Amino acid sequence: MKSFSKFISFMIILVLLLGLAAGCSSEKTAEGEDGEITLRVAWWGSQDRHDKTKKVIKLFEEKNPNIKITPEFTGWDGYWEKLATAAAGKNLADVIQMDYRYLMEYVDRGLIEDLNSFVDSGALNLDDVGEAYIEGGYVDDKLYAVNLGTNALAMAYDPAMFKKAGVEPFKPGYTWEEYAEAAKKLKDQFGDGVYGVEGAKNSLGNFQYYLRQHDIELYNEEGTALGYEDDKLLVEFLNYWDELLKDGVAAPPDVTAAVQGRLEEELIVHEKAPTLWFNSNQIVALQGAAGRELKLALLPSLPEGKEGLYLKPSQFFSVSKESKHKEAAAKFIDFITNDLEANEILAAERGVPIAAKVRDNLKPQVDDAAREMFDYVELAEQHSSPIYPPEPSGAGELDALFTRLAEQLNFGEFTTEEMAKTFRSEANKILAKNK
């Protein structure tokens, strides 16, 4: 009887072992079938950024042979429309390049993943990242976006054109009036076809800078309305640029319309204007496109005003909530954040790297343009006030609204008062949806 019991026990164990073996075999087969993960990574940028990012993707694939990446890239123009269409169709890329202006909108709509669990698991290592470099990606203690580089509003200028016109480069503390005077002098020096200012820079981001100089934020604390109570400052700001346009100092809209957000087409690249307002990280691509030395300067200051500048994440990488490969996506972001070789390829094109060891490794070996950016961020830090809270849902819509109205203003379809009134009315309708 005992022998029979032992036989039965042996058979049960054997069956269990065979079942376990079969199960393992089955899992192995499943891993084999799904072993090659394909990630979609979407970003906007210049041709220089596309080229560098594709090289880094190739390096990542070499080091992670089970992960393949399908790149999806475009310029800034059209990027957010494509992303909105993809979101509506539940077809967002696994990793999407994100902007501070759009972050809250994607968080509120539940479109991007909280990455804290991947930080906890070690898939995304932020041990070498200081708080100031990563805090912009948190909303309510949840990490929705990883900063790809530190950045600040800046003005690129062509030192050779300044020298030829006998205009001294701008030093910290110069005023809006001094900027306009210098632009007129530059225009007078170079004559037809060359402008003192690359278009009327009446963008929402520049207006936000002007508001901050008056200690006013663009949005109220709740994000349900604009943060200012009358149109005085907007009319004042628009009049400044409108006068430069009417005086022929700023390039006319039919000239700037051809640029369409492509850095390679900016007038400063082709020596058609000596300055360009943009973000400091773009100096790398801009100088590459121009093929000559370009420098960075602070924006005009307001006497007795507040510092309008702030350090901000140039852009982020976020992971789509619907991604089936979130850990692999987090691993790719970790690679962009921490890998020294990858960052040598990227050469800080997206801004000053957030990992200390990457900055230390990179700064001595970057080219003059990238070193200019490192130095500028250090200068901007001395002339900055704290960054504003993440912008509310609808901020991207406001940006598009402001750009559309400004274009109509530049073509003479509005007075500055009419544009300010229209913007206030339509912007508050958009923001009221957040109540």
Protein backbone atom coordinates (compact mmCIF):
# COMPACT_ATOMS: atom_id res chain seq x y z
CA MET A 1 0.00 0.00 0.00
CA LYS A 2 2.86 2.33 0.97
CA SER A 3 4.53 1.57 -2.37
CA PHE A 4 1.35 2.47 -4.21
CA SER A 5 1.06 5.77 -2.24
CA LYS A 6 4.67 6.62 -3.05
CA PHE A 7 3.96 5.87 -6.70
CA ILE A 8 0.91 8.17 -6.68
CA SER A 9 2.92 10.94 -4.94
CA PHE A 10 5.74 10.55 -7.45
CA MET A 11 3.30 10.79 -10.35
CA ILE A 12 1.66 13.93 -8.89
CA ILE A 13 5.06 15.62 -8.45
CA LEU A 14 6.06 14.54 -11.94
CA VAL A 15 2.88 15.97 -13.41
CA LEU A 16 3.42 19.23 -11.52
CA LEU A 17 7.03 19.47 -12.68
CA LEU A 18 6.04 18.76 -16.26
CA GLY A 19 3.28 21.34 -15.99
CA LEU A 20 5.72 23.88 -14.58
CA ALA A 21 8.20 23.09 -17.30
CA ALA A 22 5.48 23.45 -19.89
CA GLY A 23 4.46 26.76 -18.34
CA CYS A 24 8.03 28.04 -18.43
CA SER A 25 8.33 26.95 -22.00
CA SER A 26 5.10 28.73 -22.80
CA GLU A 27 6.30 32.00 -21.13
CA LYS A 28 9.61 31.72 -22.91
CA THR A 29 7.83 31.32 -26.19
CA ALA A 30 5.61 34.32 -25.40
CA GLU A 31 8.66 36.39 -24.55
CA GLY A 32 10.28 35.21 -27.75
CA GLU A 33 7.28 36.19 -29.80
CA ASP A 34 6.95 39.53 -28.11
CA GLY A 35 10.63 39.83 -27.27
CA GLU A 36 11.23 42.64 -29.70
CA ILE A 37 9.51 45.73 -28.41
CA THR A 38 8.77 48.55 -30.76
CA LEU A 39 8.46 52.02 -29.29
CA ARG A 40 7.20 55.11 -31.08
CA VAL A 41 8.97 58.30 -30.04
CA ALA A 42 7.62 61.68 -31.17
CA TRP A 43 9.33 65.05 -31.02
CA TRP A 44 9.46 68.44 -32.71
CA GLY A 45 12.57 70.38 -33.62
CA SER A 46 15.03 71.46 -36.25
CA GLN A 47 16.83 69.24 -38.74
CA ASP A 48 19.86 69.31 -36.44
CA ARG A 49 17.74 67.87 -33.60
CA HIS A 50 16.25 65.24 -35.87
CA ASP A 51 19.69 64.08 -37.00
CA LYS A 52 21.14 63.94 -33.48
CA THR A 53 18.11 62.22 -31.97
CA LYS A 54 18.11 59.56 -34.67
CA LYS A 55 21.80 58.85 -33.95
CA VAL A 56 21.01 58.48 -30.25
CA ILE A 57 18.13 56.15 -31.05
CA LYS A 58 20.52 53.97 -33.06
CA LEU A 59 22.92 53.88 -30.11
CA PHE A 60 20.07 52.97 -27.75
CA GLU A 61 18.98 50.14 -30.04
CA GLU A 62 22.55 48.81 -30.15
CA LYS A 63 22.67 48.73 -26.36
CA ASN A 64 19.12 47.40 -26.07
CA PRO A 65 18.74 44.96 -28.98
CA ASN A 66 15.24 43.89 -27.90
CA ILE A 67 13.87 47.44 -28.29
CA LYS A 68 13.33 49.07 -31.66
CA ILE A 69 12.23 52.66 -32.03
CA THR A 70 10.10 54.24 -34.70
CA PRO A 71 10.86 57.97 -34.80
CA GLU A 72 8.10 60.50 -35.51
CA PHE A 73 9.41 64.04 -35.87
CA THR A 74 8.34 67.36 -37.31
CA GLY A 75 8.81 71.10 -36.78
CA TRP A 76 7.01 73.01 -34.01
CA ASP A 77 4.31 74.11 -36.45
CA GLY A 78 1.75 71.35 -36.70
CA TYR A 79 3.23 69.21 -33.91
CA TRP A 80 0.48 69.89 -31.39
CA GLU A 81 -2.28 69.50 -33.97
CA LYS A 82 -0.87 66.07 -34.87
CA LEU A 83 -0.59 65.15 -31.21
CA ALA A 84 -4.18 66.23 -30.55
CA THR A 85 -5.38 64.14 -33.47
CA ALA A 86 -3.41 61.14 -32.21
CA ALA A 87 -4.79 61.62 -28.69
CA ALA A 88 -8.34 61.75 -30.02
CA GLY A 89 -7.73 58.52 -31.91
CA LYS A 90 -6.00 56.91 -28.89
CA ASN A 91 -2.90 56.59 -31.00
CA LEU A 92 -0.30 58.65 -29.12
CA ALA A 93 3.32 57.61 -29.49
CA ASP A 94 4.78 55.76 -26.48
CA VAL A 95 7.18 58.63 -25.74
CA ILE A 96 6.12 62.15 -26.61
CA GLN A 97 8.09 65.34 -26.39
CA MET A 98 6.13 67.68 -24.13
CA ASP A 99 6.17 71.43 -23.54
CA TYR A 100 5.55 73.18 -20.21
CA ARG A 101 2.67 75.05 -21.82
CA TYR A 102 0.80 71.86 -22.68
CA LEU A 103 1.71 69.74 -19.66
CA MET A 104 -1.38 70.44 -17.52
CA GLU A 105 -3.69 69.90 -20.45
CA TYR A 106 -2.33 66.38 -21.04
CA VAL A 107 -2.33 65.63 -17.29
CA ASP A 108 -5.93 66.81 -16.85
CA ARG A 109 -7.06 64.68 -19.77
CA GLY A 110 -5.35 61.61 -18.32
CA LEU A 111 -3.19 61.14 -21.41
CA ILE A 112 0.24 60.74 -19.80
CA GLU A 113 1.62 58.36 -17.19
CA ASP A 114 2.90 59.12 -13.69
CA LEU A 115 6.52 57.95 -13.82
CA ASN A 116 7.15 57.72 -10.06
CA SER A 117 6.87 53.92 -10.06
CA PHE A 118 9.65 53.69 -12.66
CA VAL A 119 11.85 55.96 -10.56
CA ASP A 120 11.17 53.66 -7.59
CA SER A 121 12.00 50.56 -9.62
CA GLY A 122 15.22 52.07 -10.95
CA ALA A 123 14.15 51.95 -14.60
CA LEU A 124 14.37 55.74 -14.55
CA ASN A 125 17.33 56.85 -12.46
CA LEU A 126 17.15 60.46 -11.25
CA ASP A 127 19.67 60.12 -8.42
CA ASP A 128 22.04 62.56 -10.14
CA VAL A 129 19.39 65.17 -10.91
CA GLY A 130 18.96 68.20 -8.63
CA GLU A 131 15.46 69.24 -7.62
CA ALA A 132 15.53 72.50 -9.56
CA TYR A 133 16.12 70.55 -12.77
CA ILE A 134 13.22 68.12 -12.35
CA GLU A 135 10.56 69.98 -10.34
CA GLY A 136 8.89 71.40 -13.45
CA GLY A 137 7.75 67.90 -14.41
CA TYR A 138 5.78 67.24 -11.21
CA VAL A 139 2.08 67.89 -10.73
CA ASP A 140 0.70 67.09 -7.27
CA ASP A 141 3.84 65.07 -6.47
CA LYS A 142 3.38 62.92 -9.56
CA LEU A 143 6.15 62.91 -12.14
CA TYR A 144 4.49 63.33 -15.52
CA ALA A 145 7.43 64.67 -17.49
CA VAL A 146 11.23 64.48 -17.40
CA ASN A 147 13.11 67.65 -18.28
CA LEU A 148 15.37 67.25 -21.33
CA GLY A 149 17.39 70.40 -20.70
CA THR A 150 17.34 73.68 -18.81
CA ASN A 151 16.50 76.70 -20.82
CA ALA A 152 15.61 80.41 -20.77
CA LEU A 153 14.22 83.02 -23.11
CA ALA A 154 17.09 84.70 -24.92
CA MET A 155 18.03 86.88 -27.83
CA ALA A 156 20.52 85.64 -30.39
CA TYR A 157 22.53 88.31 -32.13
CA ASP A 158 25.08 88.48 -34.90
CA PRO A 159 28.21 90.15 -33.45
CA ALA A 160 29.65 90.81 -36.91
CA MET A 161 26.54 92.73 -38.01
CA PHE A 162 26.56 94.70 -34.76
CA LYS A 163 30.22 95.60 -35.26
CA LYS A 164 29.65 96.64 -38.87
CA ALA A 165 26.77 98.93 -37.78
CA GLY A 166 28.77 100.37 -34.89
CA VAL A 167 26.28 99.07 -32.33
CA GLU A 168 27.58 97.78 -29.01
CA PRO A 169 26.31 94.33 -27.93
CA PHE A 170 23.56 94.49 -25.33
CA LYS A 171 24.68 94.37 -21.72
CA PRO A 172 22.45 93.24 -18.82
CA GLY A 173 20.13 96.06 -17.79
CA TYR A 174 19.58 97.66 -21.20
CA THR A 175 16.03 98.92 -21.71
CA TRP A 176 13.24 98.38 -24.21
CA GLU A 177 13.86 101.90 -25.56
CA GLU A 178 17.57 101.17 -26.05
CA TYR A 179 16.70 97.98 -27.87
CA ALA A 180 14.41 99.88 -30.29
CA GLU A 181 17.09 102.54 -30.88
CA ALA A 182 19.71 99.90 -31.65
CA ALA A 183 17.30 98.10 -34.02
CA LYS A 184 16.68 101.33 -35.95
CA LYS A 185 20.40 101.99 -36.23
CA LEU A 186 21.02 98.48 -37.52
CA LYS A 187 18.21 98.86 -40.05
CA ASP A 188 19.62 102.18 -41.27
CA GLN A 189 23.08 100.65 -41.70
CA PHE A 190 21.99 97.70 -43.85
CA GLY A 191 19.16 99.24 -45.89
CA ASP A 192 16.61 97.44 -48.06
CA GLY A 193 16.04 93.73 -47.52
CA VAL A 194 17.71 93.70 -44.10
CA TYR A 195 15.78 94.49 -40.91
CA GLY A 196 16.69 95.66 -37.44
CA VAL A 197 14.28 93.17 -35.87
CA GLU A 198 13.28 89.75 -37.15
CA GLY A 199 9.54 90.43 -37.34
CA ALA A 200 7.24 91.85 -34.70
CA LYS A 201 7.89 89.64 -31.70
CA ASN A 202 4.39 90.00 -30.33
CA SER A 203 4.11 86.36 -29.26
CA LEU A 204 2.31 85.20 -26.12
CA GLY A 205 5.58 84.03 -24.55
CA ASN A 206 7.16 87.44 -25.04
CA PHE A 207 4.06 89.16 -23.66
CA GLN A 208 4.22 86.84 -20.66
CA TYR A 209 7.80 88.01 -20.13
CA TYR A 210 6.61 91.64 -20.29
CA LEU A 211 3.81 90.93 -17.79
CA ARG A 212 6.25 89.31 -15.36
CA GLN A 213 8.37 92.46 -15.51
CA HIS A 214 5.26 94.20 -14.12
CA ASP A 215 4.92 91.45 -11.47
CA ILE A 216 1.80 90.04 -13.12
CA GLU A 217 1.25 86.43 -14.22
CA LEU A 218 -0.61 85.55 -17.40
CA TYR A 219 -3.18 83.39 -15.56
CA ASN A 220 -5.04 83.77 -12.30
CA GLU A 221 -4.19 81.28 -9.54
CA GLU A 222 -7.10 79.00 -10.42
CA GLY A 223 -6.28 78.98 -14.12
CA THR A 224 -9.84 80.03 -14.87
CA ALA A 225 -9.14 83.48 -16.35
CA LEU A 226 -6.35 85.81 -17.38
CA GLY A 227 -4.24 87.18 -14.54
CA TYR A 228 -4.58 90.88 -15.45
CA GLU A 229 -7.63 93.07 -15.15
CA ASP A 230 -7.43 95.48 -18.08
CA ASP A 231 -5.84 95.68 -21.51
CA LYS A 232 -3.42 98.51 -20.78
CA LEU A 233 -0.24 96.40 -20.69
CA LEU A 234 -1.16 94.32 -23.72
CA VAL A 235 -1.95 97.43 -25.77
CA GLU A 236 1.32 98.97 -24.62
CA PHE A 237 3.24 95.81 -25.58
CA LEU A 238 1.54 95.53 -28.99
CA ASN A 239 2.10 99.22 -29.74
CA TYR A 240 5.84 98.78 -29.15
CA TRP A 241 6.14 96.12 -31.84
CA ASP A 242 3.56 97.71 -34.11
CA GLU A 243 5.60 100.91 -34.30
CA LEU A 244 8.75 98.98 -35.22
CA LEU A 245 6.76 97.23 -37.93
CA LYS A 246 5.25 100.42 -39.34
CA ASP A 247 8.67 102.13 -39.29
CA GLY A 248 10.07 99.31 -41.43
CA VAL A 249 12.48 98.27 -38.66
CA ALA A 250 10.76 94.93 -38.05
CA ALA A 251 10.49 92.55 -40.99
CA PRO A 252 6.98 92.65 -42.53
CA PRO A 253 4.63 89.67 -42.09
CA ASP A 254 4.89 88.55 -45.71
CA VAL A 255 8.63 88.06 -45.12
CA THR A 256 8.37 86.34 -41.74
CA ALA A 257 5.47 84.13 -42.89
CA ALA A 258 7.92 82.23 -45.10
CA VAL A 259 9.90 81.12 -42.04
CA GLN A 260 7.03 79.01 -40.60
CA GLY A 261 8.90 78.01 -37.46
CA ARG A 262 11.87 76.49 -39.30
CA LEU A 263 15.08 77.57 -37.63
CA GLU A 264 17.03 77.10 -40.83
CA GLU A 265 14.86 79.75 -42.51
CA GLU A 266 15.14 82.42 -39.80
CA LEU A 267 16.28 85.77 -41.13
CA ILE A 268 19.32 85.92 -38.86
CA VAL A 269 20.62 82.73 -40.48
CA HIS A 270 20.66 84.51 -43.85
CA GLU A 271 21.96 87.84 -42.49
CA LYS A 272 18.61 89.49 -43.13
CA ALA A 273 18.24 90.53 -39.48
CA PRO A 274 20.81 90.83 -36.67
CA THR A 275 18.70 89.48 -33.79
CA LEU A 276 16.26 86.68 -33.00
CA TRP A 277 14.15 86.12 -29.87
CA PHE A 278 13.93 82.44 -29.01
CA ASN A 279 14.92 79.88 -26.38
CA SER A 280 18.56 79.58 -25.39
CA ASN A 281 18.89 75.90 -26.31
CA GLN A 282 18.17 76.75 -29.95
CA ILE A 283 21.54 78.52 -30.29
CA VAL A 284 23.23 75.21 -31.11
CA ALA A 285 21.01 74.51 -34.11
CA LEU A 286 20.84 78.18 -35.09
CA GLN A 287 24.60 78.59 -35.24
CA GLY A 288 24.87 75.30 -37.10
CA ALA A 289 22.38 76.55 -39.68
CA ALA A 290 24.09 79.94 -39.97
CA GLY A 291 27.59 78.52 -40.19
CA ARG A 292 29.05 81.50 -38.33
CA GLU A 293 29.36 82.82 -34.80
CA LEU A 294 26.16 83.96 -33.08
CA LYS A 295 25.95 85.11 -29.48
CA LEU A 296 23.26 85.25 -26.78
CA ALA A 297 22.03 88.28 -24.83
CA LEU A 298 19.38 88.86 -22.19
CA LEU A 299 16.07 90.40 -23.23
CA PRO A 300 15.42 94.10 -22.50
CA SER A 301 14.85 95.06 -18.89
CA LEU A 302 12.22 97.32 -17.39
CA PRO A 303 13.58 100.11 -15.14
CA GLU A 304 12.22 99.57 -11.63
CA GLY A 305 10.57 96.41 -12.93
CA LYS A 306 10.83 92.80 -11.78
CA GLU A 307 13.07 90.23 -13.45
CA GLY A 308 10.89 88.74 -16.18
CA LEU A 309 13.16 85.83 -17.01
CA TYR A 310 12.92 82.37 -15.45
CA LEU A 311 14.71 79.09 -15.91
CA LYS A 312 12.45 76.47 -17.39
CA PRO A 313 12.56 72.97 -18.78
CA SER A 314 13.24 73.43 -22.49
CA GLN A 315 10.99 70.47 -23.17
CA PHE A 316 10.18 67.13 -21.58
CA PHE A 317 9.70 63.52 -22.48
CA SER A 318 6.43 62.02 -21.24
CA VAL A 319 5.04 58.50 -21.58
CA SER A 320 1.61 57.92 -23.05
CA LYS A 321 -0.93 56.50 -20.64
CA GLU A 322 -1.91 53.96 -23.28
CA SER A 323 1.59 52.74 -24.04
CA LYS A 324 1.92 48.97 -23.79
CA HIS A 325 5.62 49.29 -23.08
CA LYS A 326 5.87 51.91 -20.35
CA GLU A 327 8.94 50.39 -18.69
CA ALA A 328 10.83 50.32 -21.99
CA ALA A 329 9.71 53.92 -22.56
CA ALA A 330 11.02 54.88 -19.12
CA LYS A 331 14.27 53.10 -19.95
CA PHE A 332 14.65 55.19 -23.10
CA ILE A 333 14.10 58.41 -21.10
CA ASP A 334 16.67 57.20 -18.56
CA PHE A 335 19.11 56.66 -21.44
CA ILE A 336 18.57 60.21 -22.71
CA THR A 337 18.98 61.54 -19.17
CA ASN A 338 22.05 59.67 -17.97
CA ASP A 339 24.05 58.12 -20.80
CA LEU A 340 27.28 60.06 -21.40
CA GLU A 341 27.79 58.86 -24.97
CA ALA A 342 24.22 59.71 -25.92
CA ASN A 343 24.60 63.21 -24.54
CA GLU A 344 27.87 63.69 -26.38
CA ILE A 345 25.87 63.11 -29.56
CA LEU A 346 23.01 65.36 -28.49
CA ALA A 347 25.54 68.05 -27.48
CA ALA A 348 22.98 69.81 -25.24
CA GLU A 349 20.89 70.80 -28.26
CA ARG A 350 17.73 70.58 -26.10
CA GLY A 351 19.27 72.65 -23.31
CA VAL A 352 21.71 72.24 -20.45
CA PRO A 353 21.51 68.56 -19.31
CA ILE A 354 19.83 67.84 -15.99
CA ALA A 355 22.20 65.11 -14.70
CA ALA A 356 25.26 66.57 -12.99
CA LYS A 357 27.70 63.95 -14.30
CA VAL A 358 26.46 64.59 -17.85
CA ARG A 359 27.00 68.36 -17.49
CA ASP A 360 30.46 67.82 -16.03
CA ASN A 361 31.40 65.47 -18.85
CA LEU A 362 29.93 67.59 -21.61
CA LYS A 363 30.86 71.20 -20.92
CA PRO A 364 34.63 70.85 -21.60
CA GLN A 365 34.03 69.17 -24.94
CA VAL A 366 31.06 71.03 -26.43
CA ASP A 367 31.49 73.43 -29.31
CA ASP A 368 31.37 77.19 -28.99
CA ALA A 369 27.60 77.37 -29.54
CA ALA A 370 26.80 74.91 -26.77
CA ARG A 371 29.30 76.59 -24.45
CA GLU A 372 27.55 79.90 -25.18
CA MET A 373 24.32 78.25 -24.02
CA PHE A 374 25.89 76.90 -20.80
CA ASP A 375 27.26 80.37 -20.03
CA TYR A 376 23.96 82.06 -20.90
CA VAL A 377 21.93 79.83 -18.55
CA GLU A 378 24.34 80.77 -15.75
CA LEU A 379 23.83 84.47 -16.62
CA ALA A 380 20.05 84.10 -16.91
CA GLU A 381 19.93 82.43 -13.49
CA GLN A 382 21.29 85.70 -12.03
CA HIS A 383 18.52 87.69 -13.75
CA SER A 384 15.56 85.39 -13.15
CA SER A 385 12.61 85.16 -10.82
CA PRO A 386 10.96 81.82 -9.85
CA ILE A 387 9.14 79.97 -12.59
CA TYR A 388 5.35 80.25 -12.66
CA PRO A 389 3.15 77.21 -11.85
CA PRO A 390 2.33 74.78 -14.69
CA GLU A 391 -0.01 76.46 -17.10
CA PRO A 392 -3.70 75.50 -16.99
CA SER A 393 -5.55 73.42 -19.53
CA GLY A 394 -6.19 75.51 -22.60
CA ALA A 395 -2.80 77.25 -22.46
CA GLY A 396 -1.84 75.80 -25.81
CA GLU A 397 -5.12 77.00 -27.26
CA LEU A 398 -4.38 80.49 -25.95
CA ASP A 399 -0.96 80.40 -27.54
CA ALA A 400 -2.47 79.54 -30.92
CA LEU A 401 -5.15 82.21 -30.43
CA PHE A 402 -2.58 84.89 -29.64
CA THR A 403 -0.45 83.94 -32.65
CA ARG A 404 -3.46 84.04 -34.97
CA LEU A 405 -4.62 87.42 -33.69
CA ALA A 406 -1.08 88.83 -33.81
CA GLU A 407 -0.78 87.79 -37.45
CA GLN A 408 -4.04 89.58 -38.20
CA LEU A 409 -2.72 92.63 -36.36
CA ASN A 410 0.52 92.56 -38.34
CA PHE A 411 -1.46 92.46 -41.58
CA GLY A 412 -3.47 95.49 -40.46
CA GLU A 413 -6.75 93.68 -39.82
CA PHE A 414 -6.90 94.91 -36.19
CA THR A 415 -5.90 97.93 -34.17
CA THR A 416 -3.88 97.05 -31.08
CA GLU A 417 -6.88 97.94 -28.89
CA GLU A 418 -9.16 95.67 -30.90
CA MET A 419 -6.71 92.78 -30.71
CA ALA A 420 -6.26 93.18 -26.95
CA LYS A 421 -10.02 93.23 -26.42
CA THR A 422 -10.60 90.21 -28.68
CA PHE A 423 -7.83 88.24 -27.00
CA ARG A 424 -9.20 88.97 -23.53
CA SER A 425 -12.71 87.92 -24.50
CA GLU A 426 -11.78 84.68 -26.28
CA ALA A 427 -9.02 83.73 -23.82
CA ASN A 428 -11.33 84.04 -20.84
CA LYS A 429 -13.91 81.86 -22.58
CA ILE A 430 -11.27 79.17 -23.07
CA LEU A 431 -10.03 79.37 -19.48
CA ALA A 432 -13.56 79.43 -18.05
CA LYS A 433 -13.80 75.76 -19.05
CA ASN A 434 -11.44 75.02 -16.13
CA LYS A 435 -14.03 76.15 -13.53
